[in-house]
Amino acid sequence: MLKKSLTRKKLRDKIFHDVGFSKNFSSSLIDNFFESLTKEIIKEKKVKITSFGTFKILNKKERIGRNPKTKIEAKISARKVVKFIPSSIIKEKLNRK
């Protein structure tokens, strides 16, 4: 299966071509957006972007996991994860035929 990632460079080039901002300004814009988003998620524990979706911090408890290859059990430590819930608009676009 071929996996393609949307990189910061691809985003920068898209803004450069579609909007006409310089590549330096486009890179700065993207970096500032992701930095602001990260800070807000950490500060507020939940960030909603209208017509796109919601980012939430979830607390995962410590648990026992198993390596699927070796079947050896290992402790998975408690941690925080970010969960993304797409908006109904995104869900509709995904499920259109």
PDB file of N, CA and C in Angstrom:
ATOM      1  N   MET A   1       0.848  -1.179   0.000  1.00  0.00           N
ATOM      2  CA  MET A   1       0.000   0.000   0.000  1.00  0.00           C
ATOM      3  C   MET A   1       0.894   1.243   0.000  1.00  0.00           C
ATOM      4  N   LEU A   2       0.600   2.169  -0.853  1.00  0.00           N
ATOM      5  CA  LEU A   2       1.361   3.399  -0.978  1.00  0.00           C
ATOM      6  C   LEU A   2       0.848   4.431   0.008  1.00  0.00           C
ATOM      7  N   LYS A   3       1.744   4.942   0.837  1.00  0.00           N
ATOM      8  CA  LYS A   3       1.352   5.960   1.808  1.00  0.00           C
ATOM      9  C   LYS A   3       1.931   7.298   1.377  1.00  0.00           C
ATOM     10  N   LYS A   4       1.089   8.319   1.391  1.00  0.00           N
ATOM     11  CA  LYS A   4       1.546   9.664   1.062  1.00  0.00           C
ATOM     12  C   LYS A   4       1.254  10.563   2.242  1.00  0.00           C
ATOM     13  N   SER A   5       2.214  11.381   2.586  1.00  0.00           N
ATOM     14  CA  SER A   5       2.043  12.303   3.698  1.00  0.00           C
ATOM     15  C   SER A   5       1.905  13.725   3.172  1.00  0.00           C
ATOM     16  N   LEU A   6       1.095  14.495   3.868  1.00  0.00           N
ATOM     17  CA  LEU A   6       0.987  15.917   3.568  1.00  0.00           C
ATOM     18  C   LEU A   6       2.036  16.613   4.433  1.00  0.00           C
ATOM     19  N   THR A   7       3.127  17.009   3.823  1.00  0.00           N
ATOM     20  CA  THR A   7       4.227  17.618   4.561  1.00  0.00           C
ATOM     21  C   THR A   7       4.058  19.127   4.668  1.00  0.00           C
ATOM     22  N   ARG A   8       4.837  19.732   5.540  1.00  0.00           N
ATOM     23  CA  ARG A   8       4.830  21.192   5.656  1.00  0.00           C
ATOM     24  C   ARG A   8       5.265  21.832   4.347  1.00  0.00           C
ATOM     25  N   LYS A   9       6.196  21.188   3.663  1.00  0.00           N
ATOM     26  CA  LYS A   9       6.662  21.723   2.380  1.00  0.00           C
ATOM     27  C   LYS A   9       5.527  21.724   1.351  1.00  0.00           C
ATOM     28  N   LYS A  10       4.743  20.643   1.317  1.00  0.00           N
ATOM     29  CA  LYS A  10       3.611  20.579   0.388  1.00  0.00           C
ATOM     30  C   LYS A  10       2.563  21.641   0.736  1.00  0.00           C
ATOM     31  N   LEU A  11       2.306  21.827   2.026  1.00  0.00           N
ATOM     32  CA  LEU A  11       1.378  22.879   2.454  1.00  0.00           C
ATOM     33  C   LEU A  11       1.892  24.250   2.047  1.00  0.00           C
ATOM     34  N   ARG A  12       3.191  24.475   2.276  1.00  0.00           N
ATOM     35  CA  ARG A  12       3.799  25.757   1.911  1.00  0.00           C
ATOM     36  C   ARG A  12       3.648  26.024   0.421  1.00  0.00           C
ATOM     37  N   ASP A  13       3.928  25.019  -0.394  1.00  0.00           N
ATOM     38  CA  ASP A  13       3.831  25.176  -1.843  1.00  0.00           C
ATOM     39  C   ASP A  13       2.385  25.413  -2.287  1.00  0.00           C
ATOM     40  N   LYS A  14       1.435  24.757  -1.617  1.00  0.00           N
ATOM     41  CA  LYS A  14       0.010  24.949  -1.930  1.00  0.00           C
ATOM     42  C   LYS A  14      -0.406  26.390  -1.650  1.00  0.00           C
ATOM     43  N   ILE A  15      -0.003  26.919  -0.493  1.00  0.00           N
ATOM     44  CA  ILE A  15      -0.315  28.317  -0.161  1.00  0.00           C
ATOM     45  C   ILE A  15       0.379  29.257  -1.143  1.00  0.00           C
ATOM     46  N   PHE A  16       1.634  28.967  -1.464  1.00  0.00           N
ATOM     47  CA  PHE A  16       2.406  29.778  -2.410  1.00  0.00           C
ATOM     48  C   PHE A  16       1.690  29.867  -3.763  1.00  0.00           C
ATOM     49  N   HIS A  17       1.228  28.715  -4.286  1.00  0.00           N
ATOM     50  CA  HIS A  17       0.589  28.700  -5.603  1.00  0.00           C
ATOM     51  C   HIS A  17      -0.841  29.230  -5.576  1.00  0.00           C
ATOM     52  N   ASP A  18      -1.614  28.855  -4.556  1.00  0.00           N
ATOM     53  CA  ASP A  18      -3.038  29.217  -4.525  1.00  0.00           C
ATOM     54  C   ASP A  18      -3.287  30.645  -4.054  1.00  0.00           C
ATOM     55  N   VAL A  19      -2.527  31.091  -3.051  1.00  0.00           N
ATOM     56  CA  VAL A  19      -2.778  32.405  -2.459  1.00  0.00           C
ATOM     57  C   VAL A  19      -1.807  33.451  -2.986  1.00  0.00           C
ATOM     58  N   GLY A  20      -0.587  33.024  -3.274  1.00  0.00           N
ATOM     59  CA  GLY A  20       0.390  33.959  -3.811  1.00  0.00           C
ATOM     60  C   GLY A  20       1.349  34.529  -2.782  1.00  0.00           C
ATOM     61  N   PHE A  21       1.275  34.057  -1.533  1.00  0.00           N
ATOM     62  CA  PHE A  21       2.246  34.502  -0.526  1.00  0.00           C
ATOM     63  C   PHE A  21       3.621  33.941  -0.886  1.00  0.00           C
ATOM     64  N   SER A  22       4.659  34.592  -0.416  1.00  0.00           N
ATOM     65  CA  SER A  22       6.011  34.081  -0.657  1.00  0.00           C
ATOM     66  C   SER A  22       6.192  32.756   0.077  1.00  0.00           C
ATOM     67  N   LYS A  23       7.193  31.981  -0.346  1.00  0.00           N
ATOM     68  CA  LYS A  23       7.443  30.696   0.303  1.00  0.00           C
ATOM     69  C   LYS A  23       7.867  30.891   1.752  1.00  0.00           C
ATOM     70  N   ASN A  24       8.661  31.925   2.032  1.00  0.00           N
ATOM     71  CA  ASN A  24       9.078  32.191   3.413  1.00  0.00           C
ATOM     72  C   ASN A  24       7.880  32.548   4.287  1.00  0.00           C
ATOM     73  N   PHE A  25       7.009  33.413   3.788  1.00  0.00           N
ATOM     74  CA  PHE A  25       5.825  33.807   4.549  1.00  0.00           C
ATOM     75  C   PHE A  25       4.897  32.613   4.735  1.00  0.00           C
ATOM     76  N   SER A  26       4.730  31.804   3.694  1.00  0.00           N
ATOM     77  CA  SER A  26       3.874  30.614   3.774  1.00  0.00           C
ATOM     78  C   SER A  26       4.394  29.636   4.820  1.00  0.00           C
ATOM     79  N   SER A  27       5.710  29.423   4.837  1.00  0.00           N
ATOM     80  CA  SER A  27       6.318  28.544   5.854  1.00  0.00           C
ATOM     81  C   SER A  27       6.094  29.092   7.251  1.00  0.00           C
ATOM     82  N   SER A  28       6.281  30.374   7.407  1.00  0.00           N
ATOM     83  CA  SER A  28       6.081  31.022   8.698  1.00  0.00           C
ATOM     84  C   SER A  28       4.622  30.901   9.144  1.00  0.00           C
ATOM     85  N   LEU A  29       3.704  31.078   8.221  1.00  0.00           N
ATOM     86  CA  LEU A  29       2.275  30.965   8.509  1.00  0.00           C
ATOM     87  C   LEU A  29       1.928  29.564   9.016  1.00  0.00           C
ATOM     88  N   ILE A  30       2.418  28.556   8.342  1.00  0.00           N
ATOM     89  CA  ILE A  30       2.157  27.167   8.727  1.00  0.00           C
ATOM     90  C   ILE A  30       2.770  26.866  10.090  1.00  0.00           C
ATOM     91  N   ASP A  31       4.025  27.275  10.288  1.00  0.00           N
ATOM     92  CA  ASP A  31       4.691  27.035  11.575  1.00  0.00           C
ATOM     93  C   ASP A  31       3.936  27.707  12.718  1.00  0.00           C
ATOM     94  N   ASN A  32       3.510  28.941  12.505  1.00  0.00           N
ATOM     95  CA  ASN A  32       2.768  29.670  13.538  1.00  0.00           C
ATOM     96  C   ASN A  32       1.422  29.018  13.826  1.00  0.00           C
ATOM     97  N   PHE A  33       0.743  28.543  12.789  1.00  0.00           N
ATOM     98  CA  PHE A  33      -0.547  27.876  12.981  1.00  0.00           C
ATOM     99  C   PHE A  33      -0.385  26.635  13.847  1.00  0.00           C
ATOM    100  N   PHE A  34       0.570  25.769  13.499  1.00  0.00           N
ATOM    101  CA  PHE A  34       0.746  24.529  14.261  1.00  0.00           C
ATOM    102  C   PHE A  34       1.249  24.792  15.678  1.00  0.00           C
ATOM    103  N   GLU A  35       2.084  25.787  15.842  1.00  0.00           N
ATOM    104  CA  GLU A  35       2.558  26.152  17.185  1.00  0.00           C
ATOM    105  C   GLU A  35       1.396  26.660  18.033  1.00  0.00           C
ATOM    106  N   SER A  36       0.544  27.500  17.467  1.00  0.00           N
ATOM    107  CA  SER A  36      -0.625  28.017  18.184  1.00  0.00           C
ATOM    108  C   SER A  36      -1.591  26.891  18.525  1.00  0.00           C
ATOM    109  N   LEU A  37      -1.829  25.996  17.583  1.00  0.00           N
ATOM    110  CA  LEU A  37      -2.724  24.867  17.810  1.00  0.00           C
ATOM    111  C   LEU A  37      -2.193  23.982  18.944  1.00  0.00           C
ATOM    112  N   THR A  38      -0.920  23.682  18.920  1.00  0.00           N
ATOM    113  CA  THR A  38      -0.299  22.859  19.959  1.00  0.00           C
ATOM    114  C   THR A  38      -0.423  23.512  21.328  1.00  0.00           C
ATOM    115  N   LYS A  39      -0.114  24.799  21.418  1.00  0.00           N
ATOM    116  CA  LYS A  39      -0.208  25.511  22.697  1.00  0.00           C
ATOM    117  C   LYS A  39      -1.632  25.522  23.234  1.00  0.00           C
ATOM    118  N   GLU A  40      -2.609  25.733  22.354  1.00  0.00           N
ATOM    119  CA  GLU A  40      -4.012  25.756  22.775  1.00  0.00           C
ATOM    120  C   GLU A  40      -4.485  24.388  23.248  1.00  0.00           C
ATOM    121  N   ILE A  41      -4.071  23.333  22.561  1.00  0.00           N
ATOM    122  CA  ILE A  41      -4.459  21.985  22.979  1.00  0.00           C
ATOM    123  C   ILE A  41      -3.904  21.697  24.368  1.00  0.00           C
ATOM    124  N   ILE A  42      -2.647  22.050  24.609  1.00  0.00           N
ATOM    125  CA  ILE A  42      -2.025  21.814  25.915  1.00  0.00           C
ATOM    126  C   ILE A  42      -2.708  22.656  26.986  1.00  0.00           C
ATOM    127  N   LYS A  43      -3.003  23.902  26.679  1.00  0.00           N
ATOM    128  CA  LYS A  43      -3.592  24.833  27.649  1.00  0.00           C
ATOM    129  C   LYS A  43      -5.051  24.518  27.947  1.00  0.00           C
ATOM    130  N   GLU A  44      -5.855  24.310  26.914  1.00  0.00           N
ATOM    131  CA  GLU A  44      -7.303  24.177  27.070  1.00  0.00           C
ATOM    132  C   GLU A  44      -7.789  22.729  27.150  1.00  0.00           C
ATOM    133  N   LYS A  45      -6.952  21.766  26.787  1.00  0.00           N
ATOM    134  CA  LYS A  45      -7.296  20.338  26.767  1.00  0.00           C
ATOM    135  C   LYS A  45      -8.282  19.961  25.662  1.00  0.00           C
ATOM    136  N   LYS A  46      -8.827  20.964  24.966  1.00  0.00           N
ATOM    137  CA  LYS A  46      -9.777  20.707  23.887  1.00  0.00           C
ATOM    138  C   LYS A  46      -9.803  21.930  22.973  1.00  0.00           C
ATOM    139  N   VAL A  47      -9.685  21.700  21.664  1.00  0.00           N
ATOM    140  CA  VAL A  47      -9.738  22.792  20.697  1.00  0.00           C
ATOM    141  C   VAL A  47     -10.680  22.390  19.574  1.00  0.00           C
ATOM    142  N   LYS A  48     -11.669  23.246  19.324  1.00  0.00           N
ATOM    143  CA  LYS A  48     -12.621  22.997  18.250  1.00  0.00           C
ATOM    144  C   LYS A  48     -12.369  23.982  17.121  1.00  0.00           C
ATOM    145  N   ILE A  49     -12.201  23.456  15.920  1.00  0.00           N
ATOM    146  CA  ILE A  49     -12.059  24.277  14.724  1.00  0.00           C
ATOM    147  C   ILE A  49     -13.341  24.070  13.924  1.00  0.00           C
ATOM    148  N   THR A  50     -14.151  25.110  13.843  1.00  0.00           N
ATOM    149  CA  THR A  50     -15.445  25.031  13.189  1.00  0.00           C
ATOM    150  C   THR A  50     -15.307  24.512  11.762  1.00  0.00           C
ATOM    151  N   SER A  51     -16.198  23.627  11.374  1.00  0.00           N
ATOM    152  CA  SER A  51     -16.258  23.006  10.045  1.00  0.00           C
ATOM    153  C   SER A  51     -15.086  22.077   9.760  1.00  0.00           C
ATOM    154  N   PHE A  52     -14.247  21.804  10.756  1.00  0.00           N
ATOM    155  CA  PHE A  52     -13.131  20.883  10.561  1.00  0.00           C
ATOM    156  C   PHE A  52     -13.175  19.755  11.574  1.00  0.00           C
ATOM    157  N   GLY A  53     -13.112  20.093  12.872  1.00  0.00           N
ATOM    158  CA  GLY A  53     -13.149  19.048  13.878  1.00  0.00           C
ATOM    159  C   GLY A  53     -12.655  19.530  15.223  1.00  0.00           C
ATOM    160  N   THR A  54     -12.545  18.576  16.155  1.00  0.00           N
ATOM    161  CA  THR A  54     -12.146  18.870  17.522  1.00  0.00           C
ATOM    162  C   THR A  54     -10.949  18.019  17.907  1.00  0.00           C
ATOM    163  N   PHE A  55      -9.973  18.651  18.544  1.00  0.00           N
ATOM    164  CA  PHE A  55      -8.820  17.960  19.103  1.00  0.00           C
ATOM    165  C   PHE A  55      -9.002  17.918  20.613  1.00  0.00           C
ATOM    166  N   LYS A  56      -8.839  16.731  21.217  1.00  0.00           N
ATOM    167  CA  LYS A  56      -9.001  16.561  22.664  1.00  0.00           C
ATOM    168  C   LYS A  56      -7.803  15.818  23.223  1.00  0.00           C
ATOM    169  N   ILE A  57      -7.452  16.129  24.465  1.00  0.00           N
ATOM    170  CA  ILE A  57      -6.428  15.371  25.164  1.00  0.00           C
ATOM    171  C   ILE A  57      -7.136  14.300  25.982  1.00  0.00           C
ATOM    172  N   LEU A  58      -6.703  13.058  25.818  1.00  0.00           N
ATOM    173  CA  LEU A  58      -7.222  11.945  26.601  1.00  0.00           C
ATOM    174  C   LEU A  58      -6.101  11.392  27.476  1.00  0.00           C
ATOM    175  N   ASN A  59      -6.450  11.005  28.684  1.00  0.00           N
ATOM    176  CA  ASN A  59      -5.490  10.380  29.589  1.00  0.00           C
ATOM    177  C   ASN A  59      -5.644   8.868  29.492  1.00  0.00           C
ATOM    178  N   LYS A  60      -4.585   8.196  29.073  1.00  0.00           N
ATOM    179  CA  LYS A  60      -4.578   6.738  28.995  1.00  0.00           C
ATOM    180  C   LYS A  60      -3.962   6.192  30.274  1.00  0.00           C
ATOM    181  N   LYS A  61      -4.590   5.186  30.841  1.00  0.00           N
ATOM    182  CA  LYS A  61      -4.076   4.566  32.061  1.00  0.00           C
ATOM    183  C   LYS A  61      -2.989   3.556  31.725  1.00  0.00           C
ATOM    184  N   GLU A  62      -2.205   3.226  32.718  1.00  0.00           N
ATOM    185  CA  GLU A  62      -1.185   2.199  32.557  1.00  0.00           C
ATOM    186  C   GLU A  62      -1.879   0.864  32.314  1.00  0.00           C
ATOM    187  N   ARG A  63      -1.281   0.043  31.441  1.00  0.00           N
ATOM    188  CA  ARG A  63      -1.877  -1.254  31.140  1.00  0.00           C
ATOM    189  C   ARG A  63      -0.806  -2.234  30.683  1.00  0.00           C
ATOM    190  N   ILE A  64      -1.211  -3.472  30.582  1.00  0.00           N
ATOM    191  CA  ILE A  64      -0.314  -4.510  30.092  1.00  0.00           C
ATOM    192  C   ILE A  64      -0.629  -4.726  28.615  1.00  0.00           C
ATOM    193  N   GLY A  65       0.418  -4.673  27.791  1.00  0.00           N
ATOM    194  CA  GLY A  65       0.276  -4.919  26.360  1.00  0.00           C
ATOM    195  C   GLY A  65       1.047  -6.161  25.975  1.00  0.00           C
ATOM    196  N   ARG A  66       0.890  -6.589  24.731  1.00  0.00           N
ATOM    197  CA  ARG A  66       1.573  -7.796  24.278  1.00  0.00           C
ATOM    198  C   ARG A  66       2.166  -7.559  22.907  1.00  0.00           C
ATOM    199  N   ASN A  67       3.431  -7.931  22.748  1.00  0.00           N
ATOM    200  CA  ASN A  67       4.086  -7.853  21.450  1.00  0.00           C
ATOM    201  C   ASN A  67       3.457  -8.914  20.551  1.00  0.00           C
ATOM    202  N   PRO A  68       2.857  -8.529  19.421  1.00  0.00           N
ATOM    203  CA  PRO A  68       2.172  -9.517  18.577  1.00  0.00           C
ATOM    204  C   PRO A  68       3.103 -10.563  17.966  1.00  0.00           C
ATOM    205  N   LYS A  69       4.369 -10.212  17.767  1.00  0.00           N
ATOM    206  CA  LYS A  69       5.310 -11.176  17.177  1.00  0.00           C
ATOM    207  C   LYS A  69       5.804 -12.185  18.203  1.00  0.00           C
ATOM    208  N   THR A  70       6.244 -11.688  19.353  1.00  0.00           N
ATOM    209  CA  THR A  70       6.876 -12.560  20.350  1.00  0.00           C
ATOM    210  C   THR A  70       5.916 -13.037  21.432  1.00  0.00           C
ATOM    211  N   LYS A  71       4.752 -12.427  21.533  1.00  0.00           N
ATOM    212  CA  LYS A  71       3.743 -12.717  22.560  1.00  0.00           C
ATOM    213  C   LYS A  71       4.220 -12.397  23.977  1.00  0.00           C
ATOM    214  N   ILE A  72       5.297 -11.630  24.092  1.00  0.00           N
ATOM    215  CA  ILE A  72       5.807 -11.235  25.406  1.00  0.00           C
ATOM    216  C   ILE A  72       5.016 -10.035  25.908  1.00  0.00           C
ATOM    217  N   GLU A  73       4.575 -10.133  27.171  1.00  0.00           N
ATOM    218  CA  GLU A  73       3.821  -9.042  27.772  1.00  0.00           C
ATOM    219  C   GLU A  73       4.764  -7.947  28.256  1.00  0.00           C
ATOM    220  N   ALA A  74       4.306  -6.712  28.172  1.00  0.00           N
ATOM    221  CA  ALA A  74       5.100  -5.567  28.633  1.00  0.00           C
ATOM    222  C   ALA A  74       4.153  -4.521  29.196  1.00  0.00           C
ATOM    223  N   LYS A  75       4.657  -3.754  30.149  1.00  0.00           N
ATOM    224  CA  LYS A  75       3.855  -2.693  30.745  1.00  0.00           C
ATOM    225  C   LYS A  75       3.893  -1.470  29.835  1.00  0.00           C
ATOM    226  N   ILE A  76       2.711  -0.926  29.548  1.00  0.00           N
ATOM    227  CA  ILE A  76       2.597   0.305  28.775  1.00  0.00           C
ATOM    228  C   ILE A  76       2.265   1.400  29.781  1.00  0.00           C
ATOM    229  N   SER A  77       3.125   2.384  29.893  1.00  0.00           N
ATOM    230  CA  SER A  77       2.966   3.413  30.913  1.00  0.00           C
ATOM    231  C   SER A  77       1.793   4.346  30.616  1.00  0.00           C
ATOM    232  N   ALA A  78       1.321   5.017  31.663  1.00  0.00           N
ATOM    233  CA  ALA A  78       0.251   6.000  31.514  1.00  0.00           C
ATOM    234  C   ALA A  78       0.766   7.160  30.670  1.00  0.00           C
ATOM    235  N   ARG A  79      -0.123   7.732  29.869  1.00  0.00           N
ATOM    236  CA  ARG A  79       0.305   8.821  28.994  1.00  0.00           C
ATOM    237  C   ARG A  79      -0.908   9.620  28.530  1.00  0.00           C
ATOM    238  N   LYS A  80      -0.631  10.745  27.932  1.00  0.00           N
ATOM    239  CA  LYS A  80      -1.672  11.583  27.333  1.00  0.00           C
ATOM    240  C   LYS A  80      -1.578  11.436  25.828  1.00  0.00           C
ATOM    241  N   VAL A  81      -2.742  11.385  25.178  1.00  0.00           N
ATOM    242  CA  VAL A  81      -2.787  11.298  23.723  1.00  0.00           C
ATOM    243  C   VAL A  81      -3.769  12.343  23.201  1.00  0.00           C
ATOM    244  N   VAL A  82      -3.601  12.728  21.954  1.00  0.00           N
ATOM    245  CA  VAL A  82      -4.523  13.677  21.322  1.00  0.00           C
ATOM    246  C   VAL A  82      -5.452  12.886  20.417  1.00  0.00           C
ATOM    247  N   LYS A  83      -6.740  13.116  20.581  1.00  0.00           N
ATOM    248  CA  LYS A  83      -7.758  12.463  19.764  1.00  0.00           C
ATOM    249  C   LYS A  83      -8.389  13.524  18.864  1.00  0.00           C
ATOM    250  N   PHE A  84      -8.588  13.182  17.601  1.00  0.00           N
ATOM    251  CA  PHE A  84      -9.236  14.079  16.653  1.00  0.00           C
ATOM    252  C   PHE A  84     -10.611  13.529  16.321  1.00  0.00           C
ATOM    253  N   ILE A  85     -11.624  14.370  16.432  1.00  0.00           N
ATOM    254  CA  ILE A  85     -12.988  14.011  16.071  1.00  0.00           C
ATOM    255  C   ILE A  85     -13.398  14.927  14.915  1.00  0.00           C
ATOM    256  N   PRO A  86     -13.577  14.371  13.712  1.00  0.00           N
ATOM    257  CA  PRO A  86     -13.929  15.216  12.571  1.00  0.00           C
ATOM    258  C   PRO A  86     -15.336  15.800  12.708  1.00  0.00           C
ATOM    259  N   SER A  87     -15.536  16.959  12.103  1.00  0.00           N
ATOM    260  CA  SER A  87     -16.858  17.600  12.122  1.00  0.00           C
ATOM    261  C   SER A  87     -17.807  16.823  11.217  1.00  0.00           C
ATOM    262  N   SER A  88     -19.094  17.104  11.349  1.00  0.00           N
ATOM    263  CA  SER A  88     -20.093  16.437  10.502  1.00  0.00           C
ATOM    264  C   SER A  88     -19.873  16.781   9.031  1.00  0.00           C
ATOM    265  N   ILE A  89     -19.360  17.960   8.748  1.00  0.00           N
ATOM    266  CA  ILE A  89     -19.082  18.363   7.358  1.00  0.00           C
ATOM    267  C   ILE A  89     -17.999  17.460   6.756  1.00  0.00           C
ATOM    268  N   ILE A  90     -16.939  17.219   7.522  1.00  0.00           N
ATOM    269  CA  ILE A  90     -15.854  16.336   7.059  1.00  0.00           C
ATOM    270  C   ILE A  90     -16.390  14.911   6.890  1.00  0.00           C
ATOM    271  N   LYS A  91     -17.186  14.446   7.846  1.00  0.00           N
ATOM    272  CA  LYS A  91     -17.755  13.094   7.765  1.00  0.00           C
ATOM    273  C   LYS A  91     -18.618  12.936   6.527  1.00  0.00           C
ATOM    274  N   GLU A  92     -19.424  13.944   6.214  1.00  0.00           N
ATOM    275  CA  GLU A  92     -20.261  13.894   5.011  1.00  0.00           C
ATOM    276  C   GLU A  92     -19.413  13.794   3.750  1.00  0.00           C
ATOM    277  N   LYS A  93     -18.365  14.609   3.679  1.00  0.00           N
ATOM    278  CA  LYS A  93     -17.484  14.576   2.499  1.00  0.00           C
ATOM    279  C   LYS A  93     -16.802  13.230   2.361  1.00  0.00           C
ATOM    280  N   LEU A  94     -16.414  12.619   3.482  1.00  0.00           N
ATOM    281  CA  LEU A  94     -15.764  11.313   3.441  1.00  0.00           C
ATOM    282  C   LEU A  94     -16.694  10.210   2.955  1.00  0.00           C
ATOM    283  N   ASN A  95     -17.957  10.338   3.289  1.00  0.00           N
ATOM    284  CA  ASN A  95     -18.915   9.271   2.996  1.00  0.00           C
ATOM    285  C   ASN A  95     -19.745   9.483   1.742  1.00  0.00           C
ATOM    286  N   ARG A  96     -19.458  10.535   0.979  1.00  0.00           N
ATOM    287  CA  ARG A  96     -20.138  10.747  -0.293  1.00  0.00           C
ATOM    288  C   ARG A  96     -19.750   9.687  -1.288  1.00  0.00           C
ATOM    289  N   LYS A  97     -20.706   9.317  -2.111  1.00  0.00           N
ATOM    290  CA  LYS A  97     -20.409   8.297  -3.134  1.00  0.00           C
ATOM    291  C   LYS A  97     -20.365   8.899  -4.494  1.00  0.00           C
TER     292      LYS A  97
END
